[in-house]
Amino acid sequence: MVDSSYFNRSTTNIIKYPIITDKATRLLENNQYSFVVNPSSDKITIKAAIEYLFNVKVTKVNTCHLPKKKKRVGKYLGWKSHYKKAIVTLSEGDTINLFAEN
């Protein structure tokens, strides 16, 4: 996969957490996984970080910047910050276990 000396910054700063929504769970059937990533990271470093952290082979990475949204709590109005989402397609036979079995 990827040598650990490739990274000049920590891999935990690139991948923040997985996205688990209705649409993201439907994408799991196509072997695609969604993650919130650092907004300054690019597709090459996202691919390398996923391959290093989960020991899988990534075939494709799609990214998008999502805008900030208004959020109201009672009479107070605020903003939910924007973030970058990455949809990662894995090769056949590779999987990532997002749901821990107890």
PDB file of N, CA and C in Angstrom:
ATOM      1  N   MET A   1       0.829  -1.175   0.000  1.00  0.00           N
ATOM      2  CA  MET A   1       0.000   0.000   0.000  1.00  0.00           C
ATOM      3  C   MET A   1       0.884   1.253   0.000  1.00  0.00           C
ATOM      4  N   VAL A   2       0.820   2.067   1.074  1.00  0.00           N
ATOM      5  CA  VAL A   2       1.549   3.325   1.107  1.00  0.00           C
ATOM      6  C   VAL A   2       2.550   3.291   2.257  1.00  0.00           C
ATOM      7  N   ASP A   3       3.753   3.751   1.997  1.00  0.00           N
ATOM      8  CA  ASP A   3       4.776   3.815   3.023  1.00  0.00           C
ATOM      9  C   ASP A   3       4.453   4.948   3.989  1.00  0.00           C
ATOM     10  N   SER A   4       4.683   4.730   5.291  1.00  0.00           N
ATOM     11  CA  SER A   4       4.330   5.737   6.295  1.00  0.00           C
ATOM     12  C   SER A   4       5.217   6.975   6.210  1.00  0.00           C
ATOM     13  N   SER A   5       6.384   6.870   5.561  1.00  0.00           N
ATOM     14  CA  SER A   5       7.258   8.032   5.429  1.00  0.00           C
ATOM     15  C   SER A   5       6.729   9.026   4.388  1.00  0.00           C
ATOM     16  N   TYR A   6       5.669   8.647   3.665  1.00  0.00           N
ATOM     17  CA  TYR A   6       5.085   9.524   2.645  1.00  0.00           C
ATOM     18  C   TYR A   6       4.441  10.758   3.265  1.00  0.00           C
ATOM     19  N   PHE A   7       3.947  10.633   4.479  1.00  0.00           N
ATOM     20  CA  PHE A   7       3.177  11.701   5.097  1.00  0.00           C
ATOM     21  C   PHE A   7       4.085  12.730   5.753  1.00  0.00           C
ATOM     22  N   ASN A   8       3.781  14.002   5.484  1.00  0.00           N
ATOM     23  CA  ASN A   8       4.496  15.063   6.163  1.00  0.00           C
ATOM     24  C   ASN A   8       3.640  15.677   7.263  1.00  0.00           C
ATOM     25  N   ARG A   9       2.378  15.251   7.369  1.00  0.00           N
ATOM     26  CA  ARG A   9       1.539  15.646   8.487  1.00  0.00           C
ATOM     27  C   ARG A   9       0.770  14.421   8.959  1.00  0.00           C
ATOM     28  N   SER A  10       0.222  14.488  10.124  1.00  0.00           N
ATOM     29  CA  SER A  10      -0.403  13.328  10.737  1.00  0.00           C
ATOM     30  C   SER A  10      -1.641  12.890   9.957  1.00  0.00           C
ATOM     31  N   THR A  11      -1.821  11.592   9.816  1.00  0.00           N
ATOM     32  CA  THR A  11      -2.975  11.075   9.087  1.00  0.00           C
ATOM     33  C   THR A  11      -4.273  11.290   9.850  1.00  0.00           C
ATOM     34  N   THR A  12      -4.194  11.432  11.147  1.00  0.00           N
ATOM     35  CA  THR A  12      -5.412  11.677  11.914  1.00  0.00           C
ATOM     36  C   THR A  12      -5.935  13.084  11.682  1.00  0.00           C
ATOM     37  N   ASN A  13      -5.111  13.994  11.190  1.00  0.00           N
ATOM     38  CA  ASN A  13      -5.573  15.340  10.864  1.00  0.00           C
ATOM     39  C   ASN A  13      -6.218  15.407   9.486  1.00  0.00           C
ATOM     40  N   ILE A  14      -5.976  14.432   8.639  1.00  0.00           N
ATOM     41  CA  ILE A  14      -6.553  14.434   7.297  1.00  0.00           C
ATOM     42  C   ILE A  14      -7.977  13.887   7.336  1.00  0.00           C
ATOM     43  N   ILE A  15      -8.159  12.699   7.917  1.00  0.00           N
ATOM     44  CA  ILE A  15      -9.470  12.063   8.015  1.00  0.00           C
ATOM     45  C   ILE A  15     -10.029  12.362   9.396  1.00  0.00           C
ATOM     46  N   LYS A  16     -11.189  13.037   9.455  1.00  0.00           N
ATOM     47  CA  LYS A  16     -11.756  13.401  10.748  1.00  0.00           C
ATOM     48  C   LYS A  16     -12.687  12.322  11.289  1.00  0.00           C
ATOM     49  N   TYR A  17     -13.751  11.995  10.548  1.00  0.00           N
ATOM     50  CA  TYR A  17     -14.683  10.950  10.977  1.00  0.00           C
ATOM     51  C   TYR A  17     -15.530  10.514   9.791  1.00  0.00           C
ATOM     52  N   PRO A  18     -16.111   9.306   9.861  1.00  0.00           N
ATOM     53  CA  PRO A  18     -16.979   8.855   8.772  1.00  0.00           C
ATOM     54  C   PRO A  18     -18.361   9.488   8.858  1.00  0.00           C
ATOM     55  N   ILE A  19     -19.008   9.620   7.718  1.00  0.00           N
ATOM     56  CA  ILE A  19     -20.368  10.147   7.657  1.00  0.00           C
ATOM     57  C   ILE A  19     -21.325   8.958   7.603  1.00  0.00           C
ATOM     58  N   ILE A  20     -22.266   8.918   8.546  1.00  0.00           N
ATOM     59  CA  ILE A  20     -23.234   7.833   8.580  1.00  0.00           C
ATOM     60  C   ILE A  20     -24.625   8.449   8.465  1.00  0.00           C
ATOM     61  N   THR A  21     -25.120   8.539   7.238  1.00  0.00           N
ATOM     62  CA  THR A  21     -26.457   9.039   6.954  1.00  0.00           C
ATOM     63  C   THR A  21     -27.157   8.009   6.078  1.00  0.00           C
ATOM     64  N   ASP A  22     -28.405   8.289   5.713  1.00  0.00           N
ATOM     65  CA  ASP A  22     -29.148   7.373   4.851  1.00  0.00           C
ATOM     66  C   ASP A  22     -28.469   7.219   3.484  1.00  0.00           C
ATOM     67  N   LYS A  23     -28.056   8.333   2.912  1.00  0.00           N
ATOM     68  CA  LYS A  23     -27.409   8.277   1.603  1.00  0.00           C
ATOM     69  C   LYS A  23     -26.051   7.576   1.688  1.00  0.00           C
ATOM     70  N   ALA A  24     -25.319   7.824   2.760  1.00  0.00           N
ATOM     71  CA  ALA A  24     -23.997   7.206   2.915  1.00  0.00           C
ATOM     72  C   ALA A  24     -24.119   5.701   3.110  1.00  0.00           C
ATOM     73  N   THR A  25     -25.147   5.237   3.807  1.00  0.00           N
ATOM     74  CA  THR A  25     -25.321   3.795   3.976  1.00  0.00           C
ATOM     75  C   THR A  25     -25.783   3.134   2.678  1.00  0.00           C
ATOM     76  N   ARG A  26     -26.502   3.860   1.817  1.00  0.00           N
ATOM     77  CA  ARG A  26     -26.842   3.327   0.499  1.00  0.00           C
ATOM     78  C   ARG A  26     -25.602   3.204  -0.377  1.00  0.00           C
ATOM     79  N   LEU A  27     -24.649   4.119  -0.201  1.00  0.00           N
ATOM     80  CA  LEU A  27     -23.407   4.058  -0.979  1.00  0.00           C
ATOM     81  C   LEU A  27     -22.518   2.890  -0.560  1.00  0.00           C
ATOM     82  N   LEU A  28     -22.725   2.368   0.658  1.00  0.00           N
ATOM     83  CA  LEU A  28     -21.928   1.229   1.106  1.00  0.00           C
ATOM     84  C   LEU A  28     -22.169   0.000   0.235  1.00  0.00           C
ATOM     85  N   GLU A  29     -23.346  -0.106  -0.379  1.00  0.00           N
ATOM     86  CA  GLU A  29     -23.634  -1.225  -1.268  1.00  0.00           C
ATOM     87  C   GLU A  29     -22.756  -1.195  -2.508  1.00  0.00           C
ATOM     88  N   ASN A  30     -22.331  -0.005  -2.930  1.00  0.00           N
ATOM     89  CA  ASN A  30     -21.443   0.153  -4.086  1.00  0.00           C
ATOM     90  C   ASN A  30     -19.979   0.207  -3.679  1.00  0.00           C
ATOM     91  N   ASN A  31     -19.685  -0.159  -2.426  1.00  0.00           N
ATOM     92  CA  ASN A  31     -18.323  -0.152  -1.884  1.00  0.00           C
ATOM     93  C   ASN A  31     -17.742   1.268  -1.870  1.00  0.00           C
ATOM     94  N   GLN A  32     -18.599   2.265  -1.549  1.00  0.00           N
ATOM     95  CA  GLN A  32     -18.169   3.652  -1.435  1.00  0.00           C
ATOM     96  C   GLN A  32     -18.390   4.112   0.004  1.00  0.00           C
ATOM     97  N   TYR A  33     -17.418   4.805   0.554  1.00  0.00           N
ATOM     98  CA  TYR A  33     -17.462   5.262   1.941  1.00  0.00           C
ATOM     99  C   TYR A  33     -17.294   6.776   1.979  1.00  0.00           C
ATOM    100  N   SER A  34     -18.030   7.434   2.887  1.00  0.00           N
ATOM    101  CA  SER A  34     -17.999   8.895   3.000  1.00  0.00           C
ATOM    102  C   SER A  34     -17.287   9.297   4.285  1.00  0.00           C
ATOM    103  N   PHE A  35     -16.413  10.295   4.176  1.00  0.00           N
ATOM    104  CA  PHE A  35     -15.656  10.796   5.317  1.00  0.00           C
ATOM    105  C   PHE A  35     -15.645  12.315   5.296  1.00  0.00           C
ATOM    106  N   VAL A  36     -15.609  12.914   6.487  1.00  0.00           N
ATOM    107  CA  VAL A  36     -15.329  14.344   6.616  1.00  0.00           C
ATOM    108  C   VAL A  36     -13.817  14.465   6.719  1.00  0.00           C
ATOM    109  N   VAL A  37     -13.246  15.320   5.874  1.00  0.00           N
ATOM    110  CA  VAL A  37     -11.792  15.452   5.810  1.00  0.00           C
ATOM    111  C   VAL A  37     -11.392  16.902   6.047  1.00  0.00           C
ATOM    112  N   ASN A  38     -10.112  17.103   6.230  1.00  0.00           N
ATOM    113  CA  ASN A  38      -9.548  18.437   6.405  1.00  0.00           C
ATOM    114  C   ASN A  38      -9.773  19.245   5.124  1.00  0.00           C
ATOM    115  N   PRO A  39     -10.302  20.472   5.225  1.00  0.00           N
ATOM    116  CA  PRO A  39     -10.590  21.255   4.010  1.00  0.00           C
ATOM    117  C   PRO A  39      -9.371  21.578   3.147  1.00  0.00           C
ATOM    118  N   SER A  40      -8.185  21.546   3.702  1.00  0.00           N
ATOM    119  CA  SER A  40      -6.999  21.865   2.907  1.00  0.00           C
ATOM    120  C   SER A  40      -6.347  20.637   2.280  1.00  0.00           C
ATOM    121  N   SER A  41      -6.865  19.447   2.533  1.00  0.00           N
ATOM    122  CA  SER A  41      -6.257  18.238   1.976  1.00  0.00           C
ATOM    123  C   SER A  41      -6.747  17.996   0.552  1.00  0.00           C
ATOM    124  N   ASP A  42      -5.894  17.353  -0.250  1.00  0.00           N
ATOM    125  CA  ASP A  42      -6.247  17.075  -1.634  1.00  0.00           C
ATOM    126  C   ASP A  42      -6.521  15.581  -1.810  1.00  0.00           C
ATOM    127  N   LYS A  43      -6.900  15.191  -3.020  1.00  0.00           N
ATOM    128  CA  LYS A  43      -7.321  13.822  -3.277  1.00  0.00           C
ATOM    129  C   LYS A  43      -6.190  12.814  -3.090  1.00  0.00           C
ATOM    130  N   ILE A  44      -4.987  13.199  -3.426  1.00  0.00           N
ATOM    131  CA  ILE A  44      -3.849  12.283  -3.318  1.00  0.00           C
ATOM    132  C   ILE A  44      -3.557  11.954  -1.857  1.00  0.00           C
ATOM    133  N   THR A  45      -3.568  12.969  -0.988  1.00  0.00           N
ATOM    134  CA  THR A  45      -3.304  12.707   0.420  1.00  0.00           C
ATOM    135  C   THR A  45      -4.471  11.986   1.088  1.00  0.00           C
ATOM    136  N   ILE A  46      -5.713  12.243   0.645  1.00  0.00           N
ATOM    137  CA  ILE A  46      -6.870  11.519   1.184  1.00  0.00           C
ATOM    138  C   ILE A  46      -6.763  10.040   0.823  1.00  0.00           C
ATOM    139  N   LYS A  47      -6.411   9.763  -0.422  1.00  0.00           N
ATOM    140  CA  LYS A  47      -6.251   8.372  -0.867  1.00  0.00           C
ATOM    141  C   LYS A  47      -5.152   7.671  -0.081  1.00  0.00           C
ATOM    142  N   ALA A  48      -4.026   8.343   0.100  1.00  0.00           N
ATOM    143  CA  ALA A  48      -2.914   7.746   0.832  1.00  0.00           C
ATOM    144  C   ALA A  48      -3.266   7.511   2.296  1.00  0.00           C
ATOM    145  N   ALA A  49      -4.010   8.433   2.897  1.00  0.00           N
ATOM    146  CA  ALA A  49      -4.383   8.287   4.305  1.00  0.00           C
ATOM    147  C   ALA A  49      -5.362   7.137   4.503  1.00  0.00           C
ATOM    148  N   ILE A  50      -6.340   6.989   3.620  1.00  0.00           N
ATOM    149  CA  ILE A  50      -7.306   5.888   3.723  1.00  0.00           C
ATOM    150  C   ILE A  50      -6.595   4.548   3.539  1.00  0.00           C
ATOM    151  N   GLU A  51      -5.701   4.473   2.562  1.00  0.00           N
ATOM    152  CA  GLU A  51      -4.969   3.226   2.331  1.00  0.00           C
ATOM    153  C   GLU A  51      -4.070   2.891   3.507  1.00  0.00           C
ATOM    154  N   TYR A  52      -3.482   3.888   4.139  1.00  0.00           N
ATOM    155  CA  TYR A  52      -2.595   3.649   5.275  1.00  0.00           C
ATOM    156  C   TYR A  52      -3.376   3.283   6.542  1.00  0.00           C
ATOM    157  N   LEU A  53      -4.468   3.995   6.831  1.00  0.00           N
ATOM    158  CA  LEU A  53      -5.218   3.772   8.071  1.00  0.00           C
ATOM    159  C   LEU A  53      -6.005   2.462   8.059  1.00  0.00           C
ATOM    160  N   PHE A  54      -6.638   2.130   6.932  1.00  0.00           N
ATOM    161  CA  PHE A  54      -7.529   0.977   6.894  1.00  0.00           C
ATOM    162  C   PHE A  54      -6.956  -0.212   6.127  1.00  0.00           C
ATOM    163  N   ASN A  55      -5.770  -0.084   5.553  1.00  0.00           N
ATOM    164  CA  ASN A  55      -5.086  -1.152   4.827  1.00  0.00           C
ATOM    165  C   ASN A  55      -5.962  -1.704   3.698  1.00  0.00           C
ATOM    166  N   VAL A  56      -6.459  -0.821   2.852  1.00  0.00           N
ATOM    167  CA  VAL A  56      -7.303  -1.174   1.707  1.00  0.00           C
ATOM    168  C   VAL A  56      -6.736  -0.517   0.444  1.00  0.00           C
ATOM    169  N   LYS A  57      -7.269  -0.892  -0.717  1.00  0.00           N
ATOM    170  CA  LYS A  57      -6.859  -0.309  -1.987  1.00  0.00           C
ATOM    171  C   LYS A  57      -7.968   0.616  -2.478  1.00  0.00           C
ATOM    172  N   VAL A  58      -7.653   1.900  -2.648  1.00  0.00           N
ATOM    173  CA  VAL A  58      -8.612   2.908  -3.093  1.00  0.00           C
ATOM    174  C   VAL A  58      -8.495   3.061  -4.610  1.00  0.00           C
ATOM    175  N   THR A  59      -9.657   3.015  -5.296  1.00  0.00           N
ATOM    176  CA  THR A  59      -9.639   3.186  -6.748  1.00  0.00           C
ATOM    177  C   THR A  59     -10.031   4.595  -7.171  1.00  0.00           C
ATOM    178  N   LYS A  60     -10.871   5.289  -6.366  1.00  0.00           N
ATOM    179  CA  LYS A  60     -11.364   6.598  -6.768  1.00  0.00           C
ATOM    180  C   LYS A  60     -11.684   7.432  -5.539  1.00  0.00           C
ATOM    181  N   VAL A  61     -11.453   8.752  -5.628  1.00  0.00           N
ATOM    182  CA  VAL A  61     -11.784   9.686  -4.553  1.00  0.00           C
ATOM    183  C   VAL A  61     -12.527  10.870  -5.165  1.00  0.00           C
ATOM    184  N   ASN A  62     -13.724  11.139  -4.656  1.00  0.00           N
ATOM    185  CA  ASN A  62     -14.494  12.312  -5.056  1.00  0.00           C
ATOM    186  C   ASN A  62     -14.612  13.231  -3.848  1.00  0.00           C
ATOM    187  N   THR A  63     -14.396  14.537  -4.039  1.00  0.00           N
ATOM    188  CA  THR A  63     -14.477  15.480  -2.935  1.00  0.00           C
ATOM    189  C   THR A  63     -15.418  16.628  -3.278  1.00  0.00           C
ATOM    190  N   CYS A  64     -15.970  17.252  -2.233  1.00  0.00           N
ATOM    191  CA  CYS A  64     -16.782  18.445  -2.425  1.00  0.00           C
ATOM    192  C   CYS A  64     -16.753  19.275  -1.149  1.00  0.00           C
ATOM    193  N   HIS A  65     -16.813  20.592  -1.320  1.00  0.00           N
ATOM    194  CA  HIS A  65     -16.906  21.529  -0.209  1.00  0.00           C
ATOM    195  C   HIS A  65     -18.381  21.832   0.023  1.00  0.00           C
ATOM    196  N   LEU A  66     -18.856  21.569   1.235  1.00  0.00           N
ATOM    197  CA  LEU A  66     -20.248  21.849   1.561  1.00  0.00           C
ATOM    198  C   LEU A  66     -20.344  23.190   2.265  1.00  0.00           C
ATOM    199  N   PRO A  67     -21.345  23.997   1.945  1.00  0.00           N
ATOM    200  CA  PRO A  67     -21.417  25.362   2.496  1.00  0.00           C
ATOM    201  C   PRO A  67     -21.861  25.366   3.949  1.00  0.00           C
ATOM    202  N   LYS A  68     -21.618  26.511   4.610  1.00  0.00           N
ATOM    203  CA  LYS A  68     -22.104  26.655   5.977  1.00  0.00           C
ATOM    204  C   LYS A  68     -23.610  26.857   5.960  1.00  0.00           C
ATOM    205  N   LYS A  69     -24.284  26.453   7.060  1.00  0.00           N
ATOM    206  CA  LYS A  69     -25.740  26.506   7.116  1.00  0.00           C
ATOM    207  C   LYS A  69     -26.186  27.262   8.355  1.00  0.00           C
ATOM    208  N   LYS A  70     -27.371  27.879   8.267  1.00  0.00           N
ATOM    209  CA  LYS A  70     -27.943  28.551   9.422  1.00  0.00           C
ATOM    210  C   LYS A  70     -28.466  27.512  10.404  1.00  0.00           C
ATOM    211  N   LYS A  71     -28.260  27.761  11.683  1.00  0.00           N
ATOM    212  CA  LYS A  71     -28.731  26.868  12.722  1.00  0.00           C
ATOM    213  C   LYS A  71     -29.384  27.714  13.798  1.00  0.00           C
ATOM    214  N   ARG A  72     -30.606  27.392  14.153  1.00  0.00           N
ATOM    215  CA  ARG A  72     -31.341  28.161  15.159  1.00  0.00           C
ATOM    216  C   ARG A  72     -31.538  27.296  16.404  1.00  0.00           C
ATOM    217  N   VAL A  73     -31.238  27.876  17.565  1.00  0.00           N
ATOM    218  CA  VAL A  73     -31.509  27.253  18.850  1.00  0.00           C
ATOM    219  C   VAL A  73     -32.345  28.256  19.636  1.00  0.00           C
ATOM    220  N   GLY A  74     -33.654  28.029  19.659  1.00  0.00           N
ATOM    221  CA  GLY A  74     -34.552  28.977  20.308  1.00  0.00           C
ATOM    222  C   GLY A  74     -34.574  30.282  19.539  1.00  0.00           C
ATOM    223  N   LYS A  75     -34.309  31.374  20.234  1.00  0.00           N
ATOM    224  CA  LYS A  75     -34.300  32.670  19.562  1.00  0.00           C
ATOM    225  C   LYS A  75     -32.928  33.051  19.012  1.00  0.00           C
ATOM    226  N   TYR A  76     -31.926  32.222  19.271  1.00  0.00           N
ATOM    227  CA  TYR A  76     -30.564  32.523  18.847  1.00  0.00           C
ATOM    228  C   TYR A  76     -30.289  31.908  17.484  1.00  0.00           C
ATOM    229  N   LEU A  77     -29.672  32.696  16.627  1.00  0.00           N
ATOM    230  CA  LEU A  77     -29.343  32.260  15.286  1.00  0.00           C
ATOM    231  C   LEU A  77     -27.828  32.189  15.146  1.00  0.00           C
ATOM    232  N   GLY A  78     -27.352  31.061  14.650  1.00  0.00           N
ATOM    233  CA  GLY A  78     -25.914  30.890  14.466  1.00  0.00           C
ATOM    234  C   GLY A  78     -25.637  30.192  13.155  1.00  0.00           C
ATOM    235  N   TRP A  79     -24.405  29.819  12.950  1.00  0.00           N
ATOM    236  CA  TRP A  79     -23.985  29.162  11.726  1.00  0.00           C
ATOM    237  C   TRP A  79     -23.277  27.861  12.059  1.00  0.00           C
ATOM    238  N   LYS A  80     -23.595  26.844  11.283  1.00  0.00           N
ATOM    239  CA  LYS A  80     -22.865  25.586  11.338  1.00  0.00           C
ATOM    240  C   LYS A  80     -21.756  25.689  10.304  1.00  0.00           C
ATOM    241  N   SER A  81     -20.524  25.435  10.683  1.00  0.00           N
ATOM    242  CA  SER A  81     -19.389  25.695   9.809  1.00  0.00           C
ATOM    243  C   SER A  81     -19.387  24.773   8.588  1.00  0.00           C
ATOM    244  N   HIS A  82     -18.712  25.217   7.529  1.00  0.00           N
ATOM    245  CA  HIS A  82     -18.619  24.417   6.316  1.00  0.00           C
ATOM    246  C   HIS A  82     -17.567  23.335   6.513  1.00  0.00           C
ATOM    247  N   TYR A  83     -17.636  22.285   5.690  1.00  0.00           N
ATOM    248  CA  TYR A  83     -16.680  21.200   5.787  1.00  0.00           C
ATOM    249  C   TYR A  83     -16.468  20.586   4.409  1.00  0.00           C
ATOM    250  N   LYS A  84     -15.474  19.726   4.312  1.00  0.00           N
ATOM    251  CA  LYS A  84     -15.159  19.053   3.063  1.00  0.00           C
ATOM    252  C   LYS A  84     -15.488  17.571   3.216  1.00  0.00           C
ATOM    253  N   LYS A  85     -16.189  17.026   2.230  1.00  0.00           N
ATOM    254  CA  LYS A  85     -16.597  15.628   2.253  1.00  0.00           C
ATOM    255  C   LYS A  85     -15.859  14.875   1.162  1.00  0.00           C
ATOM    256  N   ALA A  86     -15.414  13.663   1.485  1.00  0.00           N
ATOM    257  CA  ALA A  86     -14.757  12.801   0.509  1.00  0.00           C
ATOM    258  C   ALA A  86     -15.519  11.496   0.407  1.00  0.00           C
ATOM    259  N   ILE A  87     -15.860  11.101  -0.818  1.00  0.00           N
ATOM    260  CA  ILE A  87     -16.481   9.809  -1.066  1.00  0.00           C
ATOM    261  C   ILE A  87     -15.414   8.934  -1.714  1.00  0.00           C
ATOM    262  N   VAL A  88     -15.053   7.857  -1.025  1.00  0.00           N
ATOM    263  CA  VAL A  88     -13.940   7.004  -1.411  1.00  0.00           C
ATOM    264  C   VAL A  88     -14.490   5.689  -1.944  1.00  0.00           C
ATOM    265  N   THR A  89     -14.079   5.293  -3.147  1.00  0.00           N
ATOM    266  CA  THR A  89     -14.461   4.015  -3.732  1.00  0.00           C
ATOM    267  C   THR A  89     -13.312   3.041  -3.555  1.00  0.00           C
ATOM    268  N   LEU A  90     -13.620   1.879  -2.990  1.00  0.00           N
ATOM    269  CA  LEU A  90     -12.606   0.856  -2.757  1.00  0.00           C
ATOM    270  C   LEU A  90     -12.647  -0.185  -3.869  1.00  0.00           C
ATOM    271  N   SER A  91     -11.543  -0.908  -4.023  1.00  0.00           N
ATOM    272  CA  SER A  91     -11.494  -1.965  -5.021  1.00  0.00           C
ATOM    273  C   SER A  91     -12.318  -3.159  -4.546  1.00  0.00           C
ATOM    274  N   GLU A  92     -12.602  -4.070  -5.479  1.00  0.00           N
ATOM    275  CA  GLU A  92     -13.409  -5.252  -5.167  1.00  0.00           C
ATOM    276  C   GLU A  92     -12.720  -6.093  -4.096  1.00  0.00           C
ATOM    277  N   GLY A  93     -13.494  -6.529  -3.123  1.00  0.00           N
ATOM    278  CA  GLY A  93     -12.962  -7.381  -2.062  1.00  0.00           C
ATOM    279  C   GLY A  93     -12.496  -6.630  -0.830  1.00  0.00           C
ATOM    280  N   ASP A  94     -12.292  -5.331  -0.909  1.00  0.00           N
ATOM    281  CA  ASP A  94     -11.867  -4.542   0.244  1.00  0.00           C
ATOM    282  C   ASP A  94     -13.079  -3.919   0.919  1.00  0.00           C
ATOM    283  N   THR A  95     -13.084  -3.916   2.247  1.00  0.00           N
ATOM    284  CA  THR A  95     -14.157  -3.286   3.015  1.00  0.00           C
ATOM    285  C   THR A  95     -13.559  -2.570   4.215  1.00  0.00           C
ATOM    286  N   ILE A  96     -14.307  -1.613   4.740  1.00  0.00           N
ATOM    287  CA  ILE A  96     -13.962  -0.903   5.974  1.00  0.00           C
ATOM    288  C   ILE A  96     -15.089  -1.166   6.958  1.00  0.00           C
ATOM    289  N   ASN A  97     -14.760  -1.641   8.141  1.00  0.00           N
ATOM    290  CA  ASN A  97     -15.780  -1.918   9.158  1.00  0.00           C
ATOM    291  C   ASN A  97     -16.033  -0.653   9.959  1.00  0.00           C
ATOM    292  N   LEU A  98     -17.135   0.050   9.637  1.00  0.00           N
ATOM    293  CA  LEU A  98     -17.483   1.286  10.343  1.00  0.00           C
ATOM    294  C   LEU A  98     -18.297   1.026  11.596  1.00  0.00           C
ATOM    295  N   PHE A  99     -18.987  -0.106  11.637  1.00  0.00           N
ATOM    296  CA  PHE A  99     -19.863  -0.420  12.764  1.00  0.00           C
ATOM    297  C   PHE A  99     -19.218  -1.492  13.606  1.00  0.00           C
ATOM    298  N   ALA A 100     -18.797  -1.113  14.818  1.00  0.00           N
ATOM    299  CA  ALA A 100     -18.111  -2.058  15.707  1.00  0.00           C
ATOM    300  C   ALA A 100     -19.118  -3.066  16.258  1.00  0.00           C
ATOM    301  N   GLU A 101     -18.710  -4.309  16.276  1.00  0.00           N
ATOM    302  CA  GLU A 101     -19.570  -5.374  16.797  1.00  0.00           C
ATOM    303  C   GLU A 101     -19.149  -5.679  18.214  1.00  0.00           C
ATOM    304  N   ASN A 102     -20.109  -5.588  19.133  1.00  0.00           N
ATOM    305  CA  ASN A 102     -19.809  -5.844  20.549  1.00  0.00           C
ATOM    306  C   ASN A 102     -20.299  -7.204  20.956  1.00  0.00           C
TER     307      ASN A 102
END
